Amino acid sequence: MERKQPEISFKAGSITAAVWINNSGKGDYYTVSLKRDYKENDQWKTTNSLRVNDLPKAKMVLEKAYEFTVMNKKMSA
């Protein structure tokens, strides 16, 4: 089974916002996921928990994700 890829991702340091296109009977719409990558014991891991210092980067990538969705005329349901 092929793994679905995001439409586009925005990254600032360890913070990533991924924009996904979803299909429904009412039409296509976007959703956005937010994650932080970190290294533990030489292994890369992912979490949805952010540290206080991550918030400015999260704000930046979320603004870019929102801009992309608005500029592409699809709004989330």
Protein backbone atom coordinates (compact mmCIF):
# COMPACT_ATOMS: atom_id res chain seq x y z
CA MET A 1 0.00 0.00 0.00
CA GLU A 2 1.37 3.38 -1.01
CA ARG A 3 1.81 5.88 1.82
CA LYS A 4 0.03 9.19 1.25
CA GLN A 5 2.33 12.22 1.03
CA PRO A 6 1.47 15.75 2.12
CA GLU A 7 0.60 18.30 -0.55
CA ILE A 8 3.38 20.54 0.85
CA SER A 9 5.38 20.89 4.07
CA PHE A 10 6.86 23.93 5.78
CA LYS A 11 9.85 23.46 8.11
CA ALA A 12 11.59 25.76 10.59
CA GLY A 13 14.28 24.00 12.57
CA SER A 14 12.75 20.91 14.14
CA ILE A 15 9.13 22.05 13.58
CA THR A 16 7.15 20.96 10.52
CA ALA A 17 3.63 21.81 9.36
CA ALA A 18 2.35 19.45 6.66
CA VAL A 19 -0.65 20.33 4.48
CA TRP A 20 -2.79 17.37 3.45
CA ILE A 21 -5.53 17.25 0.83
CA ASN A 22 -8.57 15.21 1.80
CA ASN A 23 -11.45 14.04 -0.34
CA SER A 24 -15.07 13.84 0.72
CA GLY A 25 -18.46 13.70 -0.92
CA LYS A 26 -18.75 17.47 -0.39
CA GLY A 27 -15.44 18.18 -2.16
CA ASP A 28 -11.76 18.38 -1.39
CA TYR A 29 -10.45 20.15 1.70
CA TYR A 30 -7.14 20.73 3.47
CA THR A 31 -5.98 19.69 6.91
CA VAL A 32 -2.69 20.59 8.59
CA SER A 33 -0.55 18.50 10.92
CA LEU A 34 2.17 19.89 13.18
CA LYS A 35 5.14 17.95 14.55
CA ARG A 36 8.51 18.37 16.23
CA ASP A 37 11.44 16.10 15.43
CA TYR A 38 14.03 15.31 18.09
CA LYS A 39 16.92 12.93 18.57
CA GLU A 40 17.03 10.48 21.47
CA ASN A 41 19.80 7.89 21.85
CA ASP A 42 20.96 8.51 18.25
CA GLN A 43 17.44 7.81 16.93
CA TRP A 44 15.15 10.40 15.36
CA LYS A 45 11.69 10.57 16.89
CA THR A 46 8.59 12.70 16.37
CA THR A 47 6.19 14.31 18.82
CA ASN A 48 3.23 16.66 18.70
CA SER A 49 4.27 18.25 22.01
CA LEU A 50 6.03 21.57 21.68
CA ARG A 51 8.39 23.35 24.03
CA VAL A 52 7.84 27.03 24.75
CA ASN A 53 10.84 27.91 22.56
CA ASP A 54 9.24 26.01 19.66
CA LEU A 55 6.19 28.27 19.58
CA PRO A 56 7.64 31.05 17.36
CA LYS A 57 8.69 28.46 14.77
CA ALA A 58 5.31 26.74 15.02
CA LYS A 59 3.60 30.08 14.43
CA MET A 60 5.74 30.69 11.36
CA VAL A 61 5.11 27.32 9.70
CA LEU A 62 1.39 27.42 10.55
CA GLU A 63 1.09 30.86 8.93
CA LYS A 64 2.77 29.50 5.80
CA ALA A 65 0.43 26.50 5.77
CA TYR A 66 -2.59 28.79 6.14
CA GLU A 67 -1.32 31.05 3.36
CA PHE A 68 -0.90 28.03 1.07
CA THR A 69 -4.45 26.79 1.72
CA VAL A 70 -6.00 30.22 1.14
CA MET A 71 -3.98 30.88 -2.01
CA ASN A 72 -5.06 27.50 -3.39
CA LYS A 73 -8.79 28.18 -2.82
CA LYS A 74 -9.50 25.12 -0.68
CA MET A 75 -10.65 25.67 2.89
CA SER A 76 -10.86 23.03 5.59
CA ALA A 77 -14.28 21.63 6.36
